[in-house]
Amino acid sequence: MKFRFIFSQSTTILAVLAFASSAAAVEVLPNILIVYADDLGYGDLSCYNSHCAYETPRLDRLAEEGIRFTDAHSPCTICSPSRYGLFSGNLVCRTGRRPTAFEGPGGPSYLSEDSLSLGQMLQQMGYRTGVFGKWHLGLTWYDQQGAVLKGGFENSLLIDYDRSCPLIDGPQARGFDESFVTPNCPTTDPLYVYIENGSVVTPASQRHRSDNLPNPGGKWRWDNDEGWMAPDYRFTDADLLFTDRTEKFIRSHRKKYPDRPFMAVLSTQISHAPVLPAEEFSGLTNAGPRGDFIRELDILTGRILDLLDELQIANDTLVIFNSDNGPETLHTDWMRTDHDHDAAGGFRGMKRDGWEGGHRVPLIIRWPGTIPPGQVTSQLANTTDLFATIASITGYELPEDVAVDSFDLLPVLLGVQPDEKPVRPLMLTQSFRGEFQLRLGSWKYLAHTGSGGNRYDNGPLQKYQRDDTAPDAPAQLYDLNKDPQESSNLYFMEERIRMQCAQILESSIGTTGRTAPRSRVPAGPAGIQRLLHK
């Protein structure tokens, strides 16, 4: 048994004492709160980045009270496929579809009718479930003739809302009892409407103009697409609205169903483009609008954590904080240039790229009295692993064809599995163009040339272009232990490792592939106690 504790602040010491005195029997299923951030890079929290240009005190405290992963990854380097990974435990390649970010009335959902979602699994275990904020998994919309619409901003005007609602593949049809979501990126991609419990609240009938919004610093409004919106749609305080809805769900649940556990997902807009911090958070940091934006995320997360304390359910709630991919391109450049802040945390690449900066993200998990506080782990992890981990915690036995890219991290959370004994022997990720990356221990194989996403031969990212040390190689191979910045391509120098990686990748991809082990056995409350007292 090996615990890795960091006694950096008094709150951690108090949490350790509380854990030691309360390693009480886990007799009931925990509530689950997931805060899923958007385009938040590895270097965007001060608990991950000692040179962060601002502080994130509430998220730092969350890390001190639980476990912080330093080698955690999103399934993809763009948002929609990563959300699919969260709610399915699968890479998007299992759908037979390529990675895409849905726009307009785009769909259908990546979550198919015949697959088990995270929400549906927990409903079977007696949970009430809610999701609030950005959905962005694709939705099926119909026109007046009953034909399915295929995306496109202008097609928003063709939607027949009576035919389309309740949405056949919206949150209510995929395992959520309550929902208040946007179909796409809340402030970036039309269609700008709210969907409440499966139906559109107010149809899109007005043309949104980006110049109606603030433009902090003269540039941070970038990537606010014009399109069709509902008259009551909100932009600058989107996450205030989503947080309010999350709090409302938790309060209502505790009042009406005090004997049932809940799962609440807050899927934020922060820190996706455009950067529009709400007025009350503007100017809170010395790191410009994006620093203010992330401080807003920190404060809003803190509000929900305070609510758990107020309702006296903090010890009964598993809290998960994660991000869907690395930081946006221009955001990364501007933060480096203007504020000496590296949102990618020193890694190569950013959103859309297959290099580490595109998919290495924060992952923090807290469960007071069960997860020992102050842990920092270098265990390899992926957002897809949350599915099997939650299944293990709740005692749900996963069928073999469910969550085929999901590993059970519970022993790591409990501090009973040392970093020297990896839970994950391998991991697949996908970049913007659908190309694959494979981790095998410290080795990383990219089955493509270049970034897999952004272009670095011209434009604002040209300053970050590096010479390829193996320019004739059709793929890339790096040893992250020795070369975490992926600067020296060992494709020709390490033939045995390269061939091993290529073979593993070939056998793992496709709709019938898998990376997760078979015959996964959940721990459940009794198993958690056995692990804690080994």
Protein backbone atom coordinates (compact mmCIF):
# COMPACT_ATOMS: atom_id res chain seq x y z
CA MET A 1 0.00 0.00 0.00
CA LYS A 2 1.30 3.40 -0.89
CA PHE A 3 -0.19 6.80 -0.11
CA ARG A 4 1.15 10.00 -1.64
CA PHE A 5 0.12 12.94 0.50
CA ILE A 6 0.94 16.61 0.08
CA PHE A 7 0.58 18.65 3.27
CA SER A 8 0.71 21.99 1.52
CA GLN A 9 -2.01 23.77 3.48
CA SER A 10 -3.84 23.43 6.77
CA THR A 11 -7.01 22.39 4.98
CA THR A 12 -5.22 19.27 3.80
CA ILE A 13 -4.07 18.39 7.31
CA LEU A 14 -7.62 18.81 8.62
CA ALA A 15 -8.92 16.66 5.78
CA VAL A 16 -6.42 13.91 6.62
CA LEU A 17 -7.50 13.97 10.26
CA ALA A 18 -11.13 13.83 9.21
CA PHE A 19 -10.39 10.88 6.95
CA ALA A 20 -8.51 9.03 9.66
CA SER A 21 -11.37 9.46 12.11
CA SER A 22 -14.17 8.81 9.67
CA ALA A 23 -12.97 5.99 7.39
CA ALA A 24 -16.52 4.94 8.14
CA ALA A 25 -18.32 2.19 6.37
CA VAL A 26 -19.60 3.15 2.96
CA GLU A 27 -23.10 1.81 3.48
CA VAL A 28 -25.02 3.90 0.97
CA LEU A 29 -24.32 4.95 -2.58
CA PRO A 30 -22.74 8.39 -2.88
CA ASN A 31 -24.21 11.34 -4.68
CA ILE A 32 -22.16 12.24 -7.75
CA LEU A 33 -21.32 15.75 -8.94
CA ILE A 34 -19.39 16.14 -12.20
CA VAL A 35 -18.08 19.57 -13.22
CA TYR A 36 -17.01 19.24 -16.85
CA ALA A 37 -15.03 22.25 -18.04
CA ASP A 38 -14.51 23.25 -21.66
CA ASP A 39 -11.12 23.88 -23.34
CA LEU A 40 -9.43 24.07 -19.94
CA GLY A 41 -5.77 23.18 -20.35
CA TYR A 42 -3.40 21.29 -18.10
CA GLY A 43 -1.75 24.56 -17.06
CA ASP A 44 -4.94 26.49 -16.37
CA LEU A 45 -5.29 25.73 -12.65
CA SER A 46 -2.83 27.00 -10.08
CA CYS A 47 -2.67 23.56 -8.42
CA TYR A 48 -1.24 22.24 -11.71
CA ASN A 49 0.85 25.25 -12.71
CA SER A 50 3.21 26.91 -10.26
CA HIS A 51 3.59 29.78 -12.73
CA CYS A 52 -0.13 30.27 -13.26
CA ALA A 53 -0.97 33.93 -13.94
CA TYR A 54 -3.88 33.83 -11.47
CA GLU A 55 -5.12 31.72 -8.57
CA THR A 56 -7.85 29.07 -8.53
CA PRO A 57 -8.25 28.66 -4.76
CA ARG A 58 -11.43 26.58 -4.67
CA LEU A 59 -10.21 24.05 -7.21
CA ASP A 60 -6.82 23.96 -5.50
CA ARG A 61 -8.61 23.19 -2.24
CA LEU A 62 -10.66 20.50 -3.96
CA ALA A 63 -7.41 18.87 -5.05
CA GLU A 64 -6.00 19.06 -1.52
CA GLU A 65 -9.11 17.35 -0.20
CA GLY A 66 -8.95 14.51 -2.71
CA ILE A 67 -6.75 13.20 -5.50
CA ARG A 68 -5.16 15.03 -8.41
CA PHE A 69 -4.12 13.19 -11.58
CA THR A 70 -1.04 14.45 -13.45
CA ASP A 71 -1.35 12.09 -16.45
CA ALA A 72 -5.08 12.31 -17.26
CA HIS A 73 -6.40 12.73 -20.79
CA SER A 74 -9.50 13.53 -22.77
CA PRO A 75 -10.64 10.88 -25.29
CA CYS A 76 -10.43 13.37 -28.15
CA THR A 77 -9.01 16.82 -28.78
CA ILE A 78 -12.40 18.39 -29.56
CA CYS A 79 -15.53 18.62 -27.49
CA SER A 80 -18.34 16.45 -28.89
CA PRO A 81 -16.36 13.17 -29.06
CA SER A 82 -14.97 13.77 -25.56
CA ARG A 83 -18.50 14.24 -24.20
CA TYR A 84 -19.41 10.96 -25.82
CA GLY A 85 -16.47 9.40 -23.97
CA LEU A 86 -17.71 10.78 -20.64
CA PHE A 87 -21.25 9.50 -21.06
CA SER A 88 -20.45 6.18 -22.79
CA GLY A 89 -17.00 5.09 -21.62
CA ASN A 90 -16.07 4.65 -25.31
CA LEU A 91 -13.91 6.32 -27.91
CA VAL A 92 -15.98 7.85 -30.70
CA CYS A 93 -14.48 5.41 -33.20
CA ARG A 94 -16.73 2.75 -31.63
CA THR A 95 -19.67 4.51 -33.27
CA GLY A 96 -18.20 4.12 -36.76
CA ARG A 97 -18.23 7.90 -37.05
CA ARG A 98 -15.44 10.45 -37.18
CA PRO A 99 -14.85 13.19 -34.62
CA THR A 100 -16.90 16.29 -35.25
CA ALA A 101 -18.15 19.31 -33.36
CA PHE A 102 -21.86 19.68 -34.11
CA GLU A 103 -23.18 23.01 -35.37
CA GLY A 104 -26.69 24.18 -36.16
CA PRO A 105 -29.30 21.38 -36.05
CA GLY A 106 -26.56 18.77 -36.34
CA GLY A 107 -26.86 15.13 -35.37
CA PRO A 108 -27.94 12.47 -34.73
CA SER A 109 -26.51 11.90 -31.27
CA TYR A 110 -23.29 9.99 -30.81
CA LEU A 111 -25.17 8.26 -27.96
CA SER A 112 -27.24 5.63 -29.74
CA GLU A 113 -30.54 4.21 -28.55
CA ASP A 114 -29.12 0.71 -28.11
CA SER A 115 -26.12 1.73 -25.98
CA LEU A 116 -25.99 2.24 -22.23
CA SER A 117 -25.20 5.76 -21.07
CA LEU A 118 -23.77 6.83 -17.73
CA GLY A 119 -27.12 8.35 -16.80
CA GLN A 120 -29.04 5.20 -17.70
CA MET A 121 -26.65 3.04 -15.68
CA LEU A 122 -27.14 5.20 -12.63
CA GLN A 123 -30.91 5.33 -13.09
CA GLN A 124 -30.85 1.54 -12.91
CA MET A 125 -29.01 1.88 -9.59
CA GLY A 126 -31.74 4.14 -8.17
CA TYR A 127 -30.18 7.53 -8.90
CA ARG A 128 -32.01 10.62 -10.08
CA THR A 129 -29.91 12.29 -12.72
CA GLY A 130 -29.57 15.81 -14.12
CA VAL A 131 -27.39 17.55 -16.70
CA PHE A 132 -27.06 21.31 -17.08
CA GLY A 133 -25.13 23.41 -19.61
CA LYS A 134 -23.48 22.28 -22.80
CA TRP A 135 -24.82 19.02 -24.31
CA HIS A 136 -23.16 19.00 -27.76
CA LEU A 137 -23.53 15.29 -28.47
CA GLY A 138 -25.62 15.77 -31.59
CA LEU A 139 -29.42 15.84 -31.83
CA THR A 140 -32.03 14.79 -34.36
CA TRP A 141 -34.08 17.67 -35.76
CA TYR A 142 -36.91 17.48 -38.33
CA ASP A 143 -38.26 19.97 -40.86
CA GLN A 144 -41.95 20.42 -41.74
CA GLN A 145 -41.85 17.50 -44.18
CA GLY A 146 -40.42 15.18 -41.51
CA ALA A 147 -36.96 15.09 -43.08
CA VAL A 148 -33.94 15.01 -40.79
CA LEU A 149 -31.89 18.21 -40.93
CA LYS A 150 -28.15 17.87 -41.41
CA GLY A 151 -26.59 20.82 -39.62
CA GLY A 152 -25.81 24.19 -41.11
CA PHE A 153 -26.55 27.50 -39.43
CA GLU A 154 -29.29 28.55 -41.84
CA ASN A 155 -31.08 25.21 -41.43
CA SER A 156 -32.02 26.37 -37.95
CA LEU A 157 -34.92 28.22 -39.56
CA LEU A 158 -36.22 24.97 -41.07
CA ILE A 159 -36.75 23.20 -37.74
CA ASP A 160 -40.28 22.05 -37.03
CA TYR A 161 -40.23 22.15 -33.23
CA ASP A 162 -43.53 20.29 -32.86
CA ARG A 163 -42.15 17.39 -34.90
CA SER A 164 -38.73 17.51 -33.26
CA CYS A 165 -39.72 17.74 -29.61
CA PRO A 166 -39.45 15.98 -27.32
CA LEU A 167 -36.08 15.19 -28.87
CA ILE A 168 -35.67 11.49 -29.58
CA ASP A 169 -31.98 11.55 -28.64
CA GLY A 170 -31.86 14.38 -26.13
CA PRO A 171 -30.87 14.08 -22.47
CA GLN A 172 -34.27 12.71 -21.37
CA ALA A 173 -33.92 9.86 -23.88
CA ARG A 174 -30.35 9.14 -22.77
CA GLY A 175 -30.65 8.73 -19.03
CA PHE A 176 -31.34 12.11 -17.46
CA ASP A 177 -34.42 12.81 -15.34
CA GLU A 178 -33.91 16.56 -15.52
CA SER A 179 -31.97 18.67 -17.98
CA PHE A 180 -31.41 22.24 -19.06
CA VAL A 181 -28.93 22.30 -21.91
CA THR A 182 -27.84 23.96 -25.12
CA PRO A 183 -27.59 21.81 -28.24
CA ASN A 184 -24.12 23.06 -29.20
CA CYS A 185 -21.38 25.26 -27.71
CA PRO A 186 -23.45 27.72 -25.66
CA THR A 187 -21.89 30.93 -26.97
CA THR A 188 -20.04 29.79 -30.08
CA ASP A 189 -22.19 27.69 -32.37
CA PRO A 190 -25.80 28.38 -33.29
CA LEU A 191 -28.46 26.97 -32.78
CA TYR A 192 -28.76 29.28 -29.72
CA VAL A 193 -31.73 27.83 -27.82
CA TYR A 194 -32.35 26.17 -24.47
CA ILE A 195 -33.63 22.62 -24.19
CA GLU A 196 -35.41 21.85 -20.94
CA ASN A 197 -36.36 18.26 -20.17
CA GLY A 198 -36.22 17.28 -23.82
CA SER A 199 -38.06 20.18 -25.43
CA VAL A 200 -37.03 23.60 -26.69
CA VAL A 201 -38.08 26.37 -24.32
CA THR A 202 -38.30 29.14 -26.94
CA PRO A 203 -37.64 28.56 -30.67
CA ALA A 204 -34.90 30.43 -32.49
CA SER A 205 -36.45 33.37 -34.27
CA GLN A 206 -33.91 36.19 -34.10
CA ARG A 207 -30.60 36.66 -35.87
CA HIS A 208 -27.75 36.93 -33.40
CA ARG A 209 -25.13 39.58 -34.15
CA SER A 210 -21.78 39.19 -32.46
CA ASP A 211 -21.27 42.93 -32.18
CA ASN A 212 -24.12 43.03 -29.66
CA LEU A 213 -21.78 41.35 -27.17
CA PRO A 214 -18.87 42.81 -25.21
CA ASN A 215 -15.45 42.51 -26.81
CA PRO A 216 -13.00 42.47 -23.87
CA GLY A 217 -9.53 43.51 -24.87
CA GLY A 218 -10.69 43.99 -28.44
CA LYS A 219 -10.16 40.32 -29.31
CA TRP A 220 -11.65 37.91 -26.77
CA ARG A 221 -15.06 37.85 -28.48
CA TRP A 222 -13.37 35.81 -31.22
CA ASP A 223 -15.29 32.71 -32.42
CA ASN A 224 -18.78 33.91 -31.54
CA ASP A 225 -20.61 32.77 -34.66
CA GLU A 226 -23.62 34.66 -35.88
CA GLY A 227 -26.76 32.61 -36.41
CA TRP A 228 -30.27 32.05 -35.14
CA MET A 229 -31.16 32.44 -31.48
CA ALA A 230 -34.11 32.45 -29.09
CA PRO A 231 -35.11 35.97 -28.01
CA ASP A 232 -34.32 35.24 -24.36
CA TYR A 233 -30.90 33.67 -24.95
CA ARG A 234 -28.04 34.69 -22.64
CA PHE A 235 -24.36 34.88 -23.56
CA THR A 236 -22.19 36.69 -21.00
CA ASP A 237 -23.70 34.96 -17.98
CA ALA A 238 -24.25 31.51 -19.53
CA ASP A 239 -22.46 29.66 -16.73
CA LEU A 240 -24.30 31.59 -14.02
CA LEU A 241 -27.50 30.22 -15.50
CA PHE A 242 -26.17 26.66 -15.72
CA THR A 243 -24.86 26.81 -12.16
CA ASP A 244 -28.19 28.11 -10.88
CA ARG A 245 -29.96 25.23 -12.59
CA THR A 246 -27.53 22.72 -11.09
CA GLU A 247 -28.06 24.14 -7.60
CA LYS A 248 -31.83 24.12 -8.10
CA PHE A 249 -31.73 20.45 -9.07
CA ILE A 250 -29.67 19.49 -6.02
CA ARG A 251 -31.85 21.45 -3.60
CA SER A 252 -35.07 20.09 -5.08
CA HIS A 253 -33.75 16.56 -5.06
CA ARG A 254 -32.74 16.72 -1.41
CA LYS A 255 -36.15 18.06 -0.49
CA LYS A 256 -38.23 15.60 -2.51
CA TYR A 257 -36.02 12.51 -2.56
CA PRO A 258 -33.79 12.64 0.54
CA ASP A 259 -33.31 8.86 0.56
CA ARG A 260 -32.16 8.60 -3.06
CA PRO A 261 -28.72 9.49 -4.44
CA PHE A 262 -28.35 11.94 -7.31
CA MET A 263 -25.94 12.56 -10.14
CA ALA A 264 -25.64 16.16 -11.35
CA VAL A 265 -23.48 17.17 -14.31
CA LEU A 266 -22.53 20.82 -14.74
CA SER A 267 -21.15 21.11 -18.26
CA THR A 268 -19.69 24.59 -18.47
CA GLN A 269 -18.99 27.02 -21.28
CA ILE A 270 -15.80 28.15 -19.54
CA SER A 271 -13.18 28.40 -20.94
CA HIS A 272 -14.36 27.94 -24.53
CA ALA A 273 -14.31 30.86 -26.97
CA PRO A 274 -15.60 33.52 -26.89
CA VAL A 275 -14.21 34.65 -23.56
CA LEU A 276 -17.10 36.50 -21.92
CA PRO A 277 -16.79 36.56 -18.13
CA ALA A 278 -19.97 37.65 -16.38
CA GLU A 279 -19.92 41.24 -15.16
CA GLU A 280 -19.40 40.34 -11.50
CA PHE A 281 -16.19 38.48 -12.36
CA SER A 282 -14.70 40.98 -14.79
CA GLY A 283 -11.36 42.36 -13.56
CA LEU A 284 -10.95 39.84 -10.70
CA THR A 285 -7.47 38.84 -11.86
CA ASN A 286 -4.43 40.47 -13.39
CA ALA A 287 -4.51 37.96 -16.24
CA GLY A 288 -7.03 39.58 -18.54
CA PRO A 289 -10.48 38.33 -19.57
CA ARG A 290 -9.49 34.68 -19.78
CA GLY A 291 -7.95 34.78 -16.32
CA ASP A 292 -11.22 36.31 -15.06
CA PHE A 293 -13.16 33.65 -16.95
CA ILE A 294 -11.34 30.80 -15.24
CA ARG A 295 -11.63 32.52 -11.86
CA GLU A 296 -15.39 32.58 -12.56
CA LEU A 297 -15.27 28.82 -13.10
CA ASP A 298 -13.38 28.44 -9.82
CA ILE A 299 -15.93 30.54 -7.91
CA LEU A 300 -18.96 28.84 -9.46
CA THR A 301 -17.54 25.42 -8.64
CA GLY A 302 -16.99 26.69 -5.11
CA ARG A 303 -20.64 27.74 -4.88
CA ILE A 304 -21.78 24.21 -5.56
CA LEU A 305 -19.25 22.79 -3.10
CA ASP A 306 -20.60 25.25 -0.52
CA LEU A 307 -24.11 24.00 -1.26
CA LEU A 308 -23.00 20.45 -0.48
CA ASP A 309 -21.69 21.73 2.86
CA GLU A 310 -24.90 23.67 3.53
CA LEU A 311 -27.01 20.57 2.87
CA GLN A 312 -24.60 18.48 4.97
CA ILE A 313 -23.96 16.03 2.14
CA ALA A 314 -20.34 16.81 1.27
CA ASN A 315 -19.10 13.57 2.84
CA ASP A 316 -21.75 11.67 0.91
CA THR A 317 -20.86 13.14 -2.49
CA LEU A 318 -18.27 12.08 -5.02
CA VAL A 319 -17.05 15.23 -6.80
CA ILE A 320 -15.28 14.97 -10.17
CA PHE A 321 -13.66 17.88 -12.00
CA ASN A 322 -12.42 17.32 -15.55
CA SER A 323 -11.98 19.05 -18.93
CA ASP A 324 -12.93 17.97 -22.45
CA ASN A 325 -9.63 18.82 -24.21
CA GLY A 326 -6.70 21.20 -24.18
CA PRO A 327 -6.80 25.01 -24.51
CA GLU A 328 -7.95 26.82 -27.64
CA THR A 329 -5.25 27.91 -30.11
CA LEU A 330 -5.46 31.70 -30.05
CA HIS A 331 -6.24 31.65 -26.34
CA THR A 332 -3.03 29.73 -25.71
CA ASP A 333 -1.02 32.15 -27.84
CA TRP A 334 -2.55 35.28 -26.33
CA MET A 335 -2.13 34.07 -22.74
CA ARG A 336 1.52 33.26 -23.37
CA THR A 337 2.16 36.58 -25.09
CA ASP A 338 0.11 38.89 -22.88
CA HIS A 339 0.34 37.26 -19.45
CA ASP A 340 3.26 34.80 -19.52
CA HIS A 341 0.74 32.05 -18.82
CA ASP A 342 1.01 28.64 -20.49
CA ALA A 343 -2.47 27.14 -20.63
CA ALA A 344 -0.99 23.91 -22.05
CA GLY A 345 1.19 23.51 -18.97
CA GLY A 346 4.48 23.26 -20.82
CA PHE A 347 3.35 20.52 -23.18
CA ARG A 348 3.52 20.64 -26.96
CA GLY A 349 0.30 21.36 -28.83
CA MET A 350 -3.14 22.60 -27.87
CA LYS A 351 -6.80 21.94 -28.69
CA ARG A 352 -7.25 19.72 -31.80
CA ASP A 353 -3.65 18.42 -31.67
CA GLY A 354 -2.59 14.87 -30.96
CA TRP A 355 0.39 16.12 -28.97
CA GLU A 356 0.05 16.20 -25.20
CA GLY A 357 -1.22 19.78 -24.98
CA GLY A 358 -4.28 18.78 -26.96
CA HIS A 359 -5.55 16.12 -24.58
CA ARG A 360 -3.66 16.12 -21.26
CA VAL A 361 -6.14 17.78 -18.90
CA PRO A 362 -6.88 18.34 -15.21
CA LEU A 363 -8.67 15.56 -13.34
CA ILE A 364 -9.51 16.04 -9.66
CA ILE A 365 -11.72 13.72 -7.60
CA ARG A 366 -12.91 14.13 -3.99
CA TRP A 367 -15.00 11.95 -1.67
CA PRO A 368 -14.35 12.93 1.95
CA GLY A 369 -13.97 10.03 4.34
CA THR A 370 -13.44 7.55 1.50
CA ILE A 371 -10.80 9.00 -0.83
CA PRO A 372 -7.72 9.92 1.25
CA PRO A 373 -6.91 13.62 0.86
CA GLY A 374 -3.77 15.20 -0.50
CA GLN A 375 -3.00 12.53 -3.07
CA VAL A 376 -1.18 13.22 -6.32
CA THR A 377 -0.94 10.34 -8.77
CA SER A 378 0.88 9.80 -12.05
CA GLN A 379 -1.41 6.92 -12.99
CA LEU A 380 -2.45 7.09 -16.64
CA ALA A 381 -6.15 7.96 -16.85
CA ASN A 382 -8.79 8.99 -19.36
CA THR A 383 -12.21 10.64 -19.10
CA THR A 384 -13.67 7.36 -20.37
CA ASP A 385 -12.48 5.74 -17.12
CA LEU A 386 -15.06 7.65 -15.10
CA PHE A 387 -17.74 5.27 -16.41
CA ALA A 388 -16.17 2.04 -15.09
CA THR A 389 -15.00 3.77 -11.91
CA ILE A 390 -18.52 4.96 -11.08
CA ALA A 391 -19.87 1.52 -11.97
CA SER A 392 -17.39 -0.02 -9.55
CA ILE A 393 -18.26 2.43 -6.77
CA THR A 394 -21.98 1.76 -7.13
CA GLY A 395 -21.64 -2.00 -7.62
CA TYR A 396 -22.90 -2.09 -11.21
CA GLU A 397 -21.54 -5.05 -13.21
CA LEU A 398 -20.73 -3.81 -16.69
CA PRO A 399 -21.67 -5.98 -19.67
CA GLU A 400 -18.74 -6.78 -21.92
CA ASP A 401 -20.04 -4.57 -24.75
CA VAL A 402 -20.45 -1.48 -22.53
CA ALA A 403 -17.75 1.14 -21.86
CA VAL A 404 -15.14 -0.78 -23.83
CA ASP A 405 -12.50 1.92 -23.28
CA SER A 406 -13.11 2.38 -19.55
CA PHE A 407 -10.79 1.24 -16.74
CA ASP A 408 -11.70 1.13 -13.06
CA LEU A 409 -9.65 3.74 -11.20
CA LEU A 410 -11.20 3.03 -7.80
CA PRO A 411 -8.07 1.42 -6.26
CA VAL A 412 -6.11 4.53 -7.26
CA LEU A 413 -8.70 6.83 -5.71
CA LEU A 414 -8.60 4.86 -2.47
CA GLY A 415 -4.80 5.05 -2.35
CA VAL A 416 -4.29 1.29 -2.38
CA GLN A 417 -2.70 0.94 -5.83
CA PRO A 418 0.77 2.51 -6.19
CA ASP A 419 1.81 4.41 -9.28
CA GLU A 420 4.35 1.68 -10.01
CA LYS A 421 1.44 -0.67 -10.71
CA PRO A 422 -0.49 0.98 -13.55
CA VAL A 423 -4.21 0.45 -13.91
CA ARG A 424 -3.93 1.28 -17.60
CA PRO A 425 -1.28 -0.56 -19.62
CA LEU A 426 -2.32 1.40 -22.71
CA MET A 427 -4.55 4.25 -23.85
CA LEU A 428 -5.96 5.48 -27.15
CA THR A 429 -6.89 9.06 -27.97
CA GLN A 430 -8.09 10.70 -31.18
CA SER A 431 -7.20 14.10 -32.57
CA PHE A 432 -9.33 16.54 -34.55
CA ARG A 433 -8.96 14.74 -37.88
CA GLY A 434 -9.75 11.36 -36.34
CA GLU A 435 -6.17 10.17 -36.27
CA PHE A 436 -5.04 7.98 -33.38
CA GLN A 437 -2.47 8.28 -30.64
CA LEU A 438 -1.44 5.34 -28.45
CA ARG A 439 0.17 5.40 -25.02
CA LEU A 440 2.03 2.25 -24.01
CA GLY A 441 3.61 2.95 -20.65
CA SER A 442 5.78 6.01 -21.19
CA TRP A 443 5.87 5.45 -24.95
CA LYS A 444 3.60 7.52 -27.14
CA TYR A 445 2.90 6.55 -30.74
CA LEU A 446 1.12 8.99 -33.06
CA ALA A 447 -0.15 7.19 -36.15
CA HIS A 448 0.22 10.31 -38.28
CA THR A 449 2.61 13.08 -39.19
CA GLY A 450 2.26 16.57 -37.78
CA SER A 451 -0.13 17.68 -35.10
CA GLY A 452 -3.23 15.76 -36.14
CA GLY A 453 -5.11 19.01 -35.79
CA ASN A 454 -3.76 22.54 -36.19
CA ARG A 455 -1.49 23.86 -38.90
CA TYR A 456 1.86 25.24 -37.77
CA ASP A 457 3.36 26.12 -41.14
CA ASN A 458 1.67 29.53 -41.31
CA GLY A 459 -0.56 31.88 -39.38
CA PRO A 460 -0.41 32.77 -35.68
CA LEU A 461 0.82 29.31 -34.61
CA GLN A 462 3.85 29.35 -36.91
CA LYS A 463 5.98 30.62 -34.04
CA TYR A 464 5.44 27.26 -32.31
CA GLN A 465 6.51 25.13 -35.27
CA ARG A 466 9.38 22.73 -34.57
CA ASP A 467 11.58 20.84 -36.98
CA ASP A 468 10.71 17.15 -37.20
CA THR A 469 13.77 15.12 -36.20
CA ALA A 470 12.53 12.29 -38.45
CA PRO A 471 10.97 14.15 -41.40
CA ASP A 472 10.65 11.03 -43.56
CA ALA A 473 8.78 9.04 -40.92
CA PRO A 474 5.06 8.32 -41.55
CA ALA A 475 4.33 8.43 -37.82
CA GLN A 476 5.81 9.64 -34.54
CA LEU A 477 7.21 7.89 -31.47
CA TYR A 478 8.26 9.60 -28.24
CA ASP A 479 9.43 8.50 -24.81
CA LEU A 480 7.50 10.84 -22.53
CA ASN A 481 9.63 9.99 -19.51
CA LYS A 482 12.67 11.47 -21.23
CA ASP A 483 10.95 13.77 -23.70
CA PRO A 484 7.63 15.08 -22.33
CA GLN A 485 7.58 17.86 -24.93
CA GLU A 486 7.62 15.36 -27.82
CA SER A 487 10.60 16.97 -29.51
CA SER A 488 12.67 13.95 -30.62
CA ASN A 489 10.88 11.52 -32.95
CA LEU A 490 12.29 8.03 -32.31
CA TYR A 491 10.31 6.33 -35.10
CA PHE A 492 13.41 4.93 -36.86
CA MET A 493 15.52 4.48 -33.73
CA GLU A 494 13.11 2.29 -31.75
CA GLU A 495 11.81 -0.17 -34.35
CA ARG A 496 10.67 -2.83 -31.88
CA ILE A 497 8.60 -0.38 -29.83
CA ARG A 498 7.21 1.21 -32.97
CA MET A 499 6.08 -2.12 -34.41
CA GLN A 500 4.57 -3.18 -31.10
CA CYS A 501 2.59 0.06 -30.88
CA ALA A 502 1.40 -0.22 -34.48
CA GLN A 503 0.19 -3.78 -33.90
CA ILE A 504 -1.65 -2.87 -30.72
CA LEU A 505 -3.26 0.11 -32.40
CA GLU A 506 -4.41 -1.96 -35.38
CA SER A 507 -6.09 -4.51 -33.12
CA SER A 508 -7.70 -1.89 -30.86
CA ILE A 509 -9.44 0.52 -33.23
CA GLY A 510 -12.73 0.17 -35.08
CA THR A 511 -16.29 -0.47 -33.99
CA THR A 512 -15.48 -3.91 -32.56
CA GLY A 513 -12.20 -2.97 -30.88
CA ARG A 514 -11.68 -2.36 -27.20
CA THR A 515 -8.93 -1.34 -24.79
CA ALA A 516 -10.60 -2.09 -21.44
CA PRO A 517 -10.15 -5.43 -19.70
CA ARG A 518 -12.90 -8.04 -19.80
CA SER A 519 -14.76 -9.52 -16.83
CA ARG A 520 -14.61 -6.31 -14.82
CA VAL A 521 -15.82 -6.88 -11.27
CA PRO A 522 -17.28 -3.87 -9.45
CA ALA A 523 -16.30 -3.24 -5.85
CA GLY A 524 -19.55 -1.80 -4.54
CA PRO A 525 -19.84 -0.44 -0.99
CA ALA A 526 -18.64 -3.70 0.61
CA GLY A 527 -15.67 -3.94 -1.73
CA ILE A 528 -14.67 -0.36 -0.98
CA GLN A 529 -14.44 -1.25 2.68
CA ARG A 530 -12.29 -4.28 1.94
CA LEU A 531 -9.94 -2.16 -0.17
CA LEU A 532 -9.69 0.55 2.49
CA HIS A 533 -8.79 -1.94 5.20
CA LYS A 534 -6.36 -4.14 3.26
